[in-house]
């Protein structure tokens, strides 16, 4: 004759089934959180890369502007010295104060 299961044993079986579902649900929630974090990390890295590209572009532009300014100053100095007669110092070349006079 087969022995009947006690209510405690049948309760454990149903508890393990519920526990298995809870475990599966917990694993799915954890996986969703991990995937969400990975998506956020990917987005943040793309933002950092874009900002780095813009900063590099800004530095390149500032460098080119410095070169242009140096070339303009050099051209201005060459124009001033070429308009002075030979042998005269820069002290006799026309000079302007900050107001342009």
N, C-alpha and C. Protein backbone atom coordinates (compact mmCIF):
# COMPACT_ATOMS: atom_id res chain seq x y z
N UNK A 1 0.82 -1.17 0.00
CA UNK A 1 0.00 0.00 0.00
C UNK A 1 0.87 1.24 0.00
N UNK A 2 0.45 2.23 -0.76
CA UNK A 2 1.20 3.48 -0.86
C UNK A 2 0.85 4.37 0.31
N UNK A 3 1.88 5.05 0.79
CA UNK A 3 1.63 5.97 1.90
C UNK A 3 1.18 7.31 1.36
N UNK A 4 0.26 7.87 2.01
CA UNK A 4 -0.24 9.18 1.60
C UNK A 4 0.71 10.26 2.07
N UNK A 5 0.82 11.29 1.28
CA UNK A 5 1.71 12.40 1.65
C UNK A 5 1.04 13.23 2.71
N UNK A 6 1.85 13.62 3.61
CA UNK A 6 1.32 14.49 4.66
C UNK A 6 1.16 15.89 4.11
N UNK A 7 0.31 16.70 4.72
CA UNK A 7 0.13 18.09 4.25
C UNK A 7 1.42 18.89 4.30
N UNK A 8 2.30 18.56 5.22
CA UNK A 8 3.56 19.30 5.31
C UNK A 8 4.44 19.02 4.10
N UNK A 9 4.44 17.73 3.67
CA UNK A 9 5.24 17.39 2.50
C UNK A 9 4.67 18.02 1.25
N UNK A 10 3.38 18.00 1.09
CA UNK A 10 2.79 18.62 -0.09
C UNK A 10 2.99 20.14 -0.06
N UNK A 11 3.01 20.73 1.13
CA UNK A 11 3.29 22.16 1.26
C UNK A 11 4.70 22.48 0.84
N UNK A 12 5.66 21.62 1.15
CA UNK A 12 7.04 21.86 0.74
C UNK A 12 7.18 21.79 -0.77
N UNK A 13 6.46 20.86 -1.37
CA UNK A 13 6.52 20.76 -2.82
C UNK A 13 5.97 22.01 -3.48
N UNK A 14 4.86 22.48 -3.00
CA UNK A 14 4.29 23.68 -3.61
C UNK A 14 5.15 24.91 -3.31
N UNK A 15 5.81 24.92 -2.15
CA UNK A 15 6.70 26.02 -1.82
C UNK A 15 7.91 26.04 -2.74
N UNK A 16 8.44 24.86 -3.07
CA UNK A 16 9.60 24.83 -3.94
C UNK A 16 9.21 25.26 -5.35
N UNK A 17 7.99 24.97 -5.76
CA UNK A 17 7.54 25.42 -7.08
C UNK A 17 7.43 26.95 -7.08
N UNK A 18 6.85 27.50 -6.05
CA UNK A 18 6.75 28.95 -5.93
C UNK A 18 8.14 29.56 -5.84
N UNK A 19 9.01 28.91 -5.05
CA UNK A 19 10.39 29.40 -4.93
C UNK A 19 11.11 29.37 -6.24
N UNK A 20 10.89 28.36 -7.06
CA UNK A 20 11.50 28.27 -8.38
C UNK A 20 11.04 29.39 -9.28
N UNK A 21 9.77 29.70 -9.21
CA UNK A 21 9.25 30.82 -10.00
C UNK A 21 9.83 32.13 -9.52
N UNK A 22 9.94 32.28 -8.22
CA UNK A 22 10.52 33.49 -7.65
C UNK A 22 11.98 33.62 -8.06
N UNK A 23 12.69 32.50 -8.05
CA UNK A 23 14.08 32.51 -8.45
C UNK A 23 14.21 32.90 -9.92
N UNK A 24 13.35 32.36 -10.77
CA UNK A 24 13.37 32.71 -12.19
C UNK A 24 13.03 34.18 -12.39
N UNK A 25 12.04 34.67 -11.68
CA UNK A 25 11.66 36.08 -11.78
C UNK A 25 12.80 36.98 -11.30
N UNK A 26 13.45 36.59 -10.21
CA UNK A 26 14.59 37.36 -9.69
C UNK A 26 15.72 37.39 -10.71
N UNK A 27 15.99 36.24 -11.33
CA UNK A 27 17.06 36.19 -12.33
C UNK A 27 16.72 37.09 -13.52
N UNK A 28 15.47 37.10 -13.93
CA UNK A 28 15.07 37.97 -15.04
C UNK A 28 15.21 39.45 -14.68
N UNK A 29 14.84 39.80 -13.46
CA UNK A 29 14.97 41.19 -13.01
C UNK A 29 16.44 41.59 -12.96
N UNK A 30 17.29 40.72 -12.46
CA UNK A 30 18.73 41.01 -12.40
C UNK A 30 19.30 41.16 -13.80
N UNK A 31 18.91 40.28 -14.71
CA UNK A 31 19.38 40.38 -16.09
C UNK A 31 18.91 41.70 -16.74
N UNK A 32 17.67 42.09 -16.45
CA UNK A 32 17.16 43.35 -17.00
C UNK A 32 17.95 44.53 -16.45
N UNK A 33 18.29 44.50 -15.16
CA UNK A 33 19.09 45.57 -14.56
C UNK A 33 20.48 45.62 -15.17
N UNK A 34 21.08 44.46 -15.38
CA UNK A 34 22.41 44.41 -15.98
C UNK A 34 22.36 44.96 -17.40
N UNK A 35 21.37 44.55 -18.17
CA UNK A 35 21.25 45.06 -19.54
C UNK A 35 20.99 46.57 -19.55
N UNK A 36 20.19 47.04 -18.62
CA UNK A 36 19.95 48.48 -18.52
C UNK A 36 21.22 49.24 -18.20
N UNK A 37 22.02 48.70 -17.28
CA UNK A 37 23.29 49.33 -16.93
C UNK A 37 24.26 49.33 -18.11
N UNK A 38 24.27 48.23 -18.86
CA UNK A 38 25.14 48.17 -20.05
C UNK A 38 24.72 49.19 -21.10
N UNK A 39 23.42 49.35 -21.28
CA UNK A 39 22.93 50.35 -22.24
C UNK A 39 23.31 51.76 -21.79
N UNK A 40 23.19 52.03 -20.50
CA UNK A 40 23.57 53.34 -19.97
C UNK A 40 25.07 53.57 -20.11
N UNK A 41 25.87 52.54 -19.86
CA UNK A 41 27.32 52.65 -20.01
C UNK A 41 27.68 52.93 -21.45
N UNK A 42 27.06 52.23 -22.39
CA UNK A 42 27.33 52.43 -23.81
C UNK A 42 26.99 53.87 -24.22
N UNK A 43 25.85 54.34 -23.77
CA UNK A 43 25.45 55.71 -24.09
C UNK A 43 26.43 56.72 -23.50
N UNK A 44 26.86 56.49 -22.28
CA UNK A 44 27.80 57.41 -21.63
C UNK A 44 29.15 57.42 -22.35
N UNK A 45 29.61 56.25 -22.76
CA UNK A 45 30.88 56.18 -23.48
C UNK A 45 30.80 56.91 -24.82
N UNK A 46 29.67 56.78 -25.51
CA UNK A 46 29.51 57.52 -26.77
C UNK A 46 29.50 59.02 -26.53
N UNK A 47 28.89 59.46 -25.44
CA UNK A 47 28.88 60.89 -25.10
C UNK A 47 30.29 61.38 -24.81
N UNK A 48 31.07 60.59 -24.06
CA UNK A 48 32.45 60.97 -23.75
C UNK A 48 33.28 61.03 -25.03
N UNK A 49 33.10 60.06 -25.92
CA UNK A 49 33.84 60.07 -27.19
C UNK A 49 33.51 61.32 -28.01
N UNK A 50 32.24 61.67 -28.07
CA UNK A 50 31.83 62.85 -28.83
C UNK A 50 32.40 64.12 -28.21
N UNK A 51 32.37 64.23 -26.90
CA UNK A 51 32.94 65.41 -26.23
C UNK A 51 34.44 65.48 -26.46
N UNK A 52 35.11 64.34 -26.42
CA UNK A 52 36.55 64.31 -26.66
C UNK A 52 36.86 64.76 -28.09
N UNK A 53 36.04 64.33 -29.05
CA UNK A 53 36.23 64.74 -30.44
C UNK A 53 36.05 66.26 -30.58
N UNK A 54 35.05 66.80 -29.91
CA UNK A 54 34.81 68.25 -29.97
C UNK A 54 35.94 69.03 -29.31
N UNK A 55 36.46 68.53 -28.20
CA UNK A 55 37.57 69.20 -27.52
C UNK A 55 38.81 69.19 -28.41
N UNK A 56 39.09 68.06 -29.04
CA UNK A 56 40.23 67.96 -29.94
C UNK A 56 40.07 68.93 -31.10
N UNK A 57 38.87 69.02 -31.65
CA UNK A 57 38.60 69.94 -32.75
C UNK A 57 38.83 71.38 -32.30
N UNK A 58 38.38 71.71 -31.08
CA UNK A 58 38.58 73.06 -30.55
C UNK A 58 40.06 73.38 -30.39
N UNK A 59 40.83 72.42 -29.88
CA UNK A 59 42.28 72.64 -29.73
C UNK A 59 42.95 72.85 -31.09
N UNK A 60 42.52 72.07 -32.09
CA UNK A 60 43.08 72.24 -33.44
C UNK A 60 42.76 73.62 -34.00
N UNK A 61 41.55 74.07 -33.80
CA UNK A 61 41.16 75.40 -34.29
C UNK A 61 41.94 76.50 -33.58
N UNK A 62 42.08 76.38 -32.26
CA UNK A 62 42.86 77.38 -31.51
C UNK A 62 44.32 77.40 -31.95
N UNK A 63 44.87 76.23 -32.24
CA UNK A 63 46.25 76.16 -32.73
C UNK A 63 46.37 76.85 -34.08
N UNK A 64 45.42 76.57 -34.98
CA UNK A 64 45.44 77.23 -36.29
C UNK A 64 45.27 78.74 -36.17
N UNK A 65 44.44 79.18 -35.25
CA UNK A 65 44.27 80.63 -35.03
C UNK A 65 45.56 81.26 -34.50
N UNK A 66 46.25 80.55 -33.61
CA UNK A 66 47.54 81.06 -33.11
C UNK A 66 48.54 81.20 -34.25
N UNK A 67 48.58 80.21 -35.14
CA UNK A 67 49.49 80.29 -36.29
C UNK A 67 49.11 81.46 -37.20
N UNK A 68 47.83 81.65 -37.41
CA UNK A 68 47.36 82.76 -38.25
C UNK A 68 47.72 84.11 -37.63
N UNK A 69 47.51 84.22 -36.32
CA UNK A 69 47.86 85.47 -35.63
C UNK A 69 49.37 85.73 -35.71
N UNK A 70 50.17 84.69 -35.53
CA UNK A 70 51.63 84.87 -35.62
C UNK A 70 52.03 85.29 -37.03
N UNK A 71 51.39 84.72 -38.05
CA UNK A 71 51.71 85.09 -39.43
C UNK A 71 51.30 86.54 -39.70
N UNK A 72 50.16 86.96 -39.17
CA UNK A 72 49.73 88.35 -39.36
C UNK A 72 50.67 89.33 -38.66
N UNK A 73 51.10 88.97 -37.44
CA UNK A 73 52.05 89.85 -36.73
C UNK A 73 53.37 89.91 -37.48
N UNK A 74 53.80 88.79 -38.01
CA UNK A 74 55.06 88.76 -38.76
C UNK A 74 54.93 89.61 -40.02
N UNK A 75 53.79 89.50 -40.71
CA UNK A 75 53.58 90.30 -41.92
C UNK A 75 53.53 91.78 -41.58
N UNK A 76 52.89 92.12 -40.45
CA UNK A 76 52.81 93.52 -40.03
C UNK A 76 54.21 94.05 -39.70
N UNK A 77 55.00 93.26 -38.99
CA UNK A 77 56.36 93.70 -38.66
C UNK A 77 57.21 93.84 -39.92
N UNK A 78 57.06 92.94 -40.86
CA UNK A 78 57.83 93.05 -42.11
C UNK A 78 57.42 94.28 -42.89
N UNK A 79 56.14 94.64 -42.85
CA UNK A 79 55.67 95.83 -43.55
C UNK A 79 56.25 97.08 -42.89
N UNK A 80 56.26 97.13 -41.58
CA UNK A 80 56.80 98.30 -40.88
C UNK A 80 58.29 98.47 -41.14
N UNK A 81 59.04 97.38 -41.06
CA UNK A 81 60.49 97.51 -41.22
C UNK A 81 60.86 97.78 -42.67
N UNK A 82 60.07 97.30 -43.61
CA UNK A 82 60.41 97.56 -45.01
C UNK A 82 60.09 99.00 -45.41
N UNK A 83 59.19 99.67 -44.68
CA UNK A 83 58.87 101.05 -45.01
C UNK A 83 59.88 102.02 -44.40
N UNK A 84 60.73 101.57 -43.47
CA UNK A 84 61.77 102.42 -42.88
C UNK A 84 63.00 102.41 -43.78
N UNK A 85 63.63 103.54 -43.92
CA UNK A 85 64.88 103.55 -44.68
C UNK A 85 65.93 102.69 -43.99
N UNK A 86 66.81 102.15 -44.76
CA UNK A 86 67.85 101.26 -44.23
C UNK A 86 68.70 102.02 -43.23
N UNK A 87 69.06 101.34 -42.15
CA UNK A 87 69.94 101.93 -41.15
C UNK A 87 69.21 102.62 -40.01
N UNK A 88 67.92 102.89 -40.16
CA UNK A 88 67.18 103.51 -39.07
C UNK A 88 66.62 102.43 -38.15
N UNK A 89 66.58 102.72 -36.89
CA UNK A 89 66.08 101.72 -35.94
C UNK A 89 64.56 101.75 -35.88
N UNK A 90 64.01 100.79 -35.21
CA UNK A 90 62.56 100.71 -35.03
C UNK A 90 62.03 101.91 -34.25
N UNK A 91 62.87 102.58 -33.50
CA UNK A 91 62.42 103.72 -32.69
C UNK A 91 61.90 104.84 -33.58
N UNK A 92 62.39 104.92 -34.83
CA UNK A 92 61.94 105.97 -35.72
C UNK A 92 60.75 105.55 -36.58
N UNK A 93 60.39 104.27 -36.52
CA UNK A 93 59.25 103.79 -37.31
C UNK A 93 57.98 104.31 -36.66
N UNK A 94 56.93 104.55 -37.44
CA UNK A 94 55.69 105.03 -36.85
C UNK A 94 55.12 104.01 -35.86
N UNK A 95 54.72 104.49 -34.72
CA UNK A 95 54.14 103.59 -33.72
C UNK A 95 52.77 104.11 -33.33
N UNK A 96 51.92 103.19 -32.95
CA UNK A 96 50.55 103.54 -32.58
C UNK A 96 50.32 103.04 -31.18
N UNK A 97 49.58 103.82 -30.40
CA UNK A 97 49.20 103.33 -29.08
C UNK A 97 47.95 102.44 -29.21
N UNK A 98 47.42 101.99 -28.11
CA UNK A 98 46.31 101.05 -28.14
C UNK A 98 45.03 101.66 -28.73
N UNK A 99 44.92 102.98 -28.77
CA UNK A 99 43.73 103.61 -29.33
C UNK A 99 43.82 103.73 -30.85
N UNK A 100 44.95 103.37 -31.44
CA UNK A 100 45.11 103.43 -32.89
C UNK A 100 45.66 104.75 -33.38
N UNK A 101 46.11 105.64 -32.49
CA UNK A 101 46.66 106.96 -32.89
C UNK A 101 48.13 107.02 -32.63
